[in-house]
N, C-alpha and C. Protein backbone atom coordinates (compact mmCIF):
# COMPACT_ATOMS: atom_id res chain seq x y z
N MET A 1 -47.69 30.67 -6.49
CA MET A 1 -46.17 29.79 -7.10
C MET A 1 -45.18 29.28 -6.23
N PHE A 2 -44.41 27.73 -6.37
CA PHE A 2 -43.71 27.46 -5.03
C PHE A 2 -42.48 26.86 -6.34
N LYS A 3 -41.18 26.90 -5.53
CA LYS A 3 -40.47 26.78 -5.79
C LYS A 3 -39.90 25.50 -5.96
N MET A 4 -39.04 24.86 -7.32
CA MET A 4 -38.94 23.43 -6.83
C MET A 4 -37.93 23.34 -6.32
N VAL A 5 -37.87 21.83 -5.87
CA VAL A 5 -36.12 21.55 -5.25
C VAL A 5 -36.00 20.16 -5.41
N TRP A 6 -35.03 20.05 -6.51
CA TRP A 6 -35.10 18.03 -6.65
C TRP A 6 -34.05 17.43 -5.22
N THR A 7 -34.91 16.06 -5.74
CA THR A 7 -33.59 15.54 -4.98
C THR A 7 -32.73 14.63 -5.74
N PRO A 8 -31.35 14.32 -5.83
CA PRO A 8 -30.99 13.58 -6.80
C PRO A 8 -31.86 12.47 -7.39
N GLU A 9 -32.66 11.72 -7.03
CA GLU A 9 -32.88 11.05 -7.96
C GLU A 9 -34.36 11.51 -8.92
N ALA A 10 -34.80 12.39 -8.38
CA ALA A 10 -35.69 13.29 -9.32
C ALA A 10 -34.70 13.80 -10.52
N ALA A 11 -34.06 14.14 -9.93
CA ALA A 11 -33.03 15.00 -11.10
C ALA A 11 -32.74 14.04 -12.19
N ARG A 12 -32.10 12.78 -11.82
CA ARG A 12 -32.08 11.73 -12.52
C ARG A 12 -32.65 11.07 -13.08
N ASN A 13 -34.00 11.16 -12.93
CA ASN A 13 -35.41 10.32 -13.08
C ASN A 13 -35.64 11.21 -14.63
N PHE A 14 -35.44 12.93 -14.33
CA PHE A 14 -36.09 14.09 -15.54
C PHE A 14 -34.69 14.05 -16.87
N ARG A 15 -33.38 14.08 -16.23
CA ARG A 15 -32.20 14.35 -17.22
C ARG A 15 -32.70 12.93 -18.06
N ALA A 16 -32.99 11.73 -17.71
CA ALA A 16 -33.41 10.77 -18.15
C ALA A 16 -34.43 11.02 -19.42
N LEU A 17 -35.06 11.26 -18.81
CA LEU A 17 -36.35 11.14 -19.79
C LEU A 17 -35.88 12.14 -20.71
N GLU A 18 -35.55 13.33 -20.19
CA GLU A 18 -35.08 14.51 -21.04
C GLU A 18 -34.31 14.23 -22.65
N GLU A 19 -32.95 13.49 -21.83
CA GLU A 19 -32.23 12.62 -22.66
C GLU A 19 -32.91 11.78 -23.64
N ALA A 20 -33.79 11.16 -23.60
CA ALA A 20 -34.13 10.20 -24.41
C ALA A 20 -35.01 11.09 -25.49
N ALA A 21 -35.61 11.85 -24.86
CA ALA A 21 -36.48 12.84 -26.10
C ALA A 21 -35.82 13.49 -26.79
N LEU A 22 -34.88 14.26 -26.53
CA LEU A 22 -33.64 14.75 -27.19
C LEU A 22 -33.12 13.91 -28.41
N ALA A 23 -32.87 12.80 -28.22
CA ALA A 23 -32.26 11.67 -28.81
C ALA A 23 -33.29 10.79 -29.76
N ALA A 24 -34.78 11.10 -29.49
CA ALA A 24 -35.67 10.61 -30.39
C ALA A 24 -35.68 11.38 -31.51
N ARG A 25 -35.94 12.91 -30.58
CA ARG A 25 -36.10 14.20 -31.97
C ARG A 25 -35.08 14.00 -32.47
N ALA A 26 -33.82 13.94 -32.44
CA ALA A 26 -32.80 13.81 -33.18
C ALA A 26 -32.91 12.62 -33.74
N ASN A 27 -33.18 11.91 -33.92
CA ASN A 27 -33.12 10.82 -35.00
C ASN A 27 -34.90 10.66 -35.66
N ARG A 28 -36.13 11.51 -35.24
CA ARG A 28 -36.34 11.32 -35.73
C ARG A 28 -36.73 12.79 -37.19
N GLN A 29 -35.92 13.75 -36.55
CA GLN A 29 -35.60 14.71 -37.37
C GLN A 29 -34.24 14.20 -38.69
N THR A 30 -33.91 13.68 -38.23
CA THR A 30 -32.43 12.84 -39.15
C THR A 30 -33.79 11.81 -40.42
N LYS A 31 -34.79 11.31 -39.93
CA LYS A 31 -35.28 10.45 -40.93
C LYS A 31 -35.98 10.83 -41.65
N LYS A 32 -37.02 12.41 -41.50
CA LYS A 32 -37.33 13.54 -41.76
C LYS A 32 -38.76 13.17 -41.51
N GLN A 33 -38.93 12.31 -40.34
CA GLN A 33 -40.87 12.41 -39.53
C GLN A 33 -41.26 13.71 -39.17
N THR A 34 -42.14 13.50 -39.55
CA THR A 34 -42.52 14.11 -38.22
C THR A 34 -43.30 14.32 -37.09
N LYS A 35 -44.14 12.64 -36.93
CA LYS A 35 -45.03 12.28 -36.09
C LYS A 35 -43.98 12.54 -34.60
N SER A 36 -44.37 13.28 -33.42
CA SER A 36 -43.37 13.09 -32.27
C SER A 36 -43.17 11.27 -32.06
N SER A 37 -42.64 11.10 -31.27
CA SER A 37 -42.53 9.44 -30.66
C SER A 37 -43.12 9.70 -29.05
N LYS A 38 -43.33 8.34 -28.85
CA LYS A 38 -43.76 8.14 -27.69
C LYS A 38 -42.99 8.94 -26.67
N VAL A 39 -41.55 8.65 -26.64
CA VAL A 39 -40.72 9.14 -25.66
C VAL A 39 -40.60 10.93 -25.61
N GLU A 40 -41.24 11.10 -26.78
CA GLU A 40 -41.49 12.80 -27.21
C GLU A 40 -42.42 13.13 -26.00
N GLY A 41 -43.61 12.28 -26.32
CA GLY A 41 -44.55 12.76 -26.07
C GLY A 41 -44.83 12.79 -24.33
N LEU A 42 -44.41 11.50 -24.10
CA LEU A 42 -43.88 11.12 -22.17
C LEU A 42 -43.28 12.16 -21.59
N PHE A 43 -42.16 12.93 -22.29
CA PHE A 43 -41.16 14.13 -21.28
C PHE A 43 -42.18 14.96 -21.49
N LYS A 44 -42.88 15.26 -22.84
CA LYS A 44 -44.42 16.63 -22.75
C LYS A 44 -44.72 16.47 -21.46
N GLN A 45 -45.24 15.41 -21.17
CA GLN A 45 -46.26 15.16 -20.13
C GLN A 45 -45.89 15.18 -19.13
N VAL A 46 -44.66 15.01 -18.88
CA VAL A 46 -43.62 14.85 -17.60
C VAL A 46 -43.55 16.53 -16.98
N HIS A 47 -43.19 17.11 -18.10
CA HIS A 47 -42.94 18.63 -17.90
C HIS A 47 -44.01 18.75 -17.38
N GLU A 48 -44.94 19.45 -18.64
CA GLU A 48 -46.36 19.62 -18.26
C GLU A 48 -46.66 19.68 -16.78
N ALA A 49 -46.98 18.28 -16.57
CA ALA A 49 -47.19 17.78 -14.84
C ALA A 49 -46.64 19.02 -13.86
N ILE A 50 -44.97 19.08 -13.97
CA ILE A 50 -44.24 19.59 -12.72
C ILE A 50 -44.60 20.25 -13.25
N ALA A 51 -44.77 21.76 -14.38
CA ALA A 51 -45.40 23.06 -14.74
C ALA A 51 -46.76 23.07 -13.86
N LYS A 52 -47.29 22.60 -14.40
CA LYS A 52 -48.67 22.78 -13.22
C LYS A 52 -48.66 23.09 -11.32
N LEU A 53 -47.69 21.59 -11.19
CA LEU A 53 -47.35 21.47 -9.92
C LEU A 53 -46.63 22.60 -9.09
N GLU A 54 -45.81 22.99 -9.91
CA GLU A 54 -45.04 24.26 -9.86
C GLU A 54 -46.04 25.23 -8.88
N GLN A 55 -47.32 25.59 -10.71
CA GLN A 55 -48.16 26.77 -10.42
C GLN A 55 -48.97 26.56 -9.31
N ASN A 56 -49.49 24.95 -9.06
CA ASN A 56 -50.71 24.06 -8.09
C ASN A 56 -51.22 23.42 -7.95
N PRO A 57 -50.12 22.70 -6.97
CA PRO A 57 -50.19 21.52 -6.41
C PRO A 57 -51.58 20.45 -6.34
N ARG A 58 -52.49 21.46 -6.49
CA ARG A 58 -54.21 21.14 -6.27
C ARG A 58 -54.53 20.79 -7.36
N HIS A 59 -53.90 21.73 -8.64
CA HIS A 59 -53.74 21.05 -10.20
C HIS A 59 -55.40 20.12 -10.14
N PRO A 60 -56.79 19.95 -10.58
CA PRO A 60 -57.51 18.78 -10.74
C PRO A 60 -56.96 18.06 -11.89
N GLY A 61 -55.94 18.58 -12.73
CA GLY A 61 -55.85 17.14 -13.62
C GLY A 61 -53.90 16.68 -13.04
N LEU A 62 -53.49 17.10 -12.23
CA LEU A 62 -52.91 16.00 -11.47
C LEU A 62 -53.10 15.30 -10.42
N HIS A 63 -54.31 14.99 -9.98
CA HIS A 63 -55.06 14.27 -9.56
C HIS A 63 -54.50 14.31 -8.18
N THR A 64 -53.77 15.47 -7.85
CA THR A 64 -52.48 14.88 -6.43
C THR A 64 -53.58 14.16 -5.32
N HIS A 65 -52.72 13.02 -4.79
CA HIS A 65 -53.19 12.38 -3.62
C HIS A 65 -52.13 11.82 -2.29
N GLU A 66 -52.31 11.62 -1.17
CA GLU A 66 -51.61 11.50 -0.40
C GLU A 66 -51.07 9.71 -0.71
N TYR A 67 -49.78 9.76 -0.79
CA TYR A 67 -48.95 8.33 -1.08
C TYR A 67 -48.31 7.93 0.45
N ASN A 68 -47.90 6.84 0.40
CA ASN A 68 -47.57 6.46 1.85
C ASN A 68 -46.44 5.68 1.57
N GLY A 69 -46.36 4.99 0.63
CA GLY A 69 -45.04 4.59 0.31
C GLY A 69 -43.41 4.81 0.11
N ILE A 70 -43.32 6.06 0.37
CA ILE A 70 -41.85 6.93 0.24
C ILE A 70 -42.40 7.81 1.74
N PRO A 71 -41.01 7.69 2.33
CA PRO A 71 -41.04 8.21 4.11
C PRO A 71 -40.26 10.18 3.36
N ASN A 72 -41.26 10.98 4.32
CA ASN A 72 -41.33 12.40 3.88
C ASN A 72 -39.70 12.40 4.60
N PRO A 73 -38.59 12.74 3.72
CA PRO A 73 -36.97 12.92 4.15
C PRO A 73 -37.40 14.45 4.82
N TYR A 74 -37.83 15.44 5.15
CA TYR A 74 -37.96 16.46 5.92
C TYR A 74 -38.01 16.23 7.50
N ASP A 75 -39.52 15.33 7.34
CA ASP A 75 -40.62 14.87 8.69
C ASP A 75 -40.82 14.03 8.43
N LYS A 76 -40.80 13.00 9.38
CA LYS A 76 -41.38 11.50 9.15
C LYS A 76 -43.24 11.85 9.52
N ASN A 77 -43.37 12.77 9.83
CA ASN A 77 -44.67 13.00 10.35
C ASN A 77 -45.35 13.70 8.77
N ARG A 78 -44.97 13.93 8.38
CA ARG A 78 -45.39 14.95 7.51
C ARG A 78 -45.61 13.90 5.83
N LYS A 79 -46.89 14.59 5.25
CA LYS A 79 -46.93 13.79 4.18
C LYS A 79 -46.22 13.09 2.38
N VAL A 80 -46.37 12.69 2.26
CA VAL A 80 -45.11 12.58 0.11
C VAL A 80 -46.70 12.47 -0.30
N PHE A 81 -46.43 13.09 -1.41
CA PHE A 81 -48.06 12.97 -2.64
C PHE A 81 -47.24 12.38 -3.57
N GLU A 82 -48.82 12.19 -4.25
CA GLU A 82 -48.42 11.48 -5.71
C GLU A 82 -49.22 12.32 -6.90
N ALA A 83 -48.48 12.41 -7.86
CA ALA A 83 -49.16 13.18 -9.01
C ALA A 83 -48.82 12.75 -10.42
N TYR A 84 -50.51 13.20 -10.50
CA TYR A 84 -50.24 11.84 -12.48
C TYR A 84 -49.39 12.72 -13.31
N ALA A 85 -48.70 12.44 -13.98
CA ALA A 85 -48.37 12.94 -15.46
C ALA A 85 -49.17 12.09 -16.74
N GLN A 86 -49.60 10.75 -16.15
CA GLN A 86 -50.09 10.60 -17.32
C GLN A 86 -51.17 9.73 -16.45
N ASN A 87 -52.42 9.75 -17.12
CA ASN A 87 -53.49 8.50 -16.66
C ASN A 87 -54.27 7.77 -17.91
N LYS A 88 -54.51 6.27 -17.41
CA LYS A 88 -54.94 5.33 -18.20
C LYS A 88 -54.21 4.95 -18.98
N THR A 89 -53.08 4.99 -18.48
CA THR A 89 -52.16 4.66 -19.81
C THR A 89 -51.30 3.63 -18.96
N PRO A 90 -50.84 2.16 -19.57
CA PRO A 90 -50.20 0.85 -18.71
C PRO A 90 -48.79 1.52 -18.56
N GLY A 91 -48.30 1.65 -17.00
CA GLY A 91 -46.82 2.81 -16.98
C GLY A 91 -47.19 3.19 -16.68
N ALA A 92 -48.22 3.97 -16.46
CA ALA A 92 -47.79 5.84 -16.77
C ALA A 92 -47.51 6.30 -15.52
N TYR A 93 -46.74 7.56 -16.02
CA TYR A 93 -46.08 8.12 -15.28
C TYR A 93 -46.34 9.07 -13.85
N ARG A 94 -45.44 8.78 -13.33
CA ARG A 94 -46.41 9.64 -11.24
C ARG A 94 -45.05 10.18 -11.15
N ILE A 95 -46.10 11.33 -10.46
CA ILE A 95 -44.75 12.68 -9.88
C ILE A 95 -45.16 12.30 -8.12
N PHE A 96 -43.52 11.98 -7.55
CA PHE A 96 -43.67 11.51 -6.02
C PHE A 96 -43.14 13.33 -5.31
N TRP A 97 -44.30 14.08 -4.62
CA TRP A 97 -43.69 15.49 -3.88
C TRP A 97 -44.32 15.52 -2.57
N CYS A 98 -43.26 16.59 -1.78
CA CYS A 98 -44.12 16.67 -0.70
C CYS A 98 -43.44 18.26 -0.42
N TYR A 99 -44.39 19.20 0.46
CA TYR A 99 -43.67 19.89 0.78
C TYR A 99 -42.51 20.45 1.59
N GLY A 100 -41.91 21.47 1.18
CA GLY A 100 -40.69 21.68 1.85
C GLY A 100 -39.79 21.84 1.34
N PRO A 101 -38.45 21.69 1.86
CA PRO A 101 -38.35 22.22 2.92
C PRO A 101 -38.56 23.37 3.63
N ALA A 102 -38.81 24.51 3.31
CA ALA A 102 -39.14 26.03 3.59
C ALA A 102 -40.17 26.30 2.77
N ARG A 103 -40.74 27.21 3.48
CA ARG A 103 -42.31 27.93 3.16
C ARG A 103 -42.37 28.07 1.39
N GLN A 104 -42.67 27.82 0.83
CA GLN A 104 -43.43 28.13 -0.91
C GLN A 104 -42.65 27.17 -1.70
N GLN A 105 -42.03 26.44 -1.24
CA GLN A 105 -41.06 25.44 -1.49
C GLN A 105 -41.89 24.82 -1.86
N LEU A 106 -41.52 23.17 -2.77
CA LEU A 106 -42.21 21.36 -3.21
C LEU A 106 -40.83 20.77 -3.27
N THR A 107 -40.82 19.88 -3.19
CA THR A 107 -39.73 18.78 -3.33
C THR A 107 -40.15 17.72 -4.15
N ILE A 108 -39.66 17.26 -5.44
CA ILE A 108 -39.59 16.54 -6.69
C ILE A 108 -39.06 15.15 -6.41
N LEU A 109 -39.65 14.11 -5.29
CA LEU A 109 -38.61 13.23 -4.84
C LEU A 109 -38.30 12.14 -6.20
N ALA A 110 -39.59 11.81 -7.27
CA ALA A 110 -39.06 10.92 -7.46
C ALA A 110 -39.87 11.02 -8.71
N ILE A 111 -39.49 10.28 -10.22
CA ILE A 111 -40.66 10.71 -11.57
C ILE A 111 -41.09 9.09 -11.60
N THR A 112 -41.66 8.08 -11.61
CA THR A 112 -41.57 6.69 -11.82
C THR A 112 -42.51 7.03 -13.03
N PRO A 113 -42.36 5.71 -13.45
CA PRO A 113 -43.78 4.62 -13.41
C PRO A 113 -44.81 3.95 -12.64
N HIS A 114 -45.80 3.81 -12.94
CA HIS A 114 -46.61 3.28 -12.20
C HIS A 114 -46.55 2.20 -12.54
N LEU A 115 -46.67 1.20 -11.86
CA LEU A 115 -46.34 -0.52 -11.88
C LEU A 115 -47.60 -1.24 -11.43
């Protein structure tokens, strides 16, 4: 199991998704609707992907692969990876991460929609 380290940007991304999901759930409950909204589903998927990442960064459901568009904040010669929070969805969300800064740590760099 890895200890998760968050960049300020990634933490903001995650909090924004969480706040939107909580607001959507409150609105849904006020209207007495039972079906979860897309925003709630998105947050659930991102949350589950991060949990998988924490357990096993090579989990097959994450489709983890190297990503060259973001530099590694700890060592420019080390790799940054992209993991899927969603797949086969327009604007599917991705989690960008790297190993470090210490052993058994992963740093979440960003959580963004795929463009």
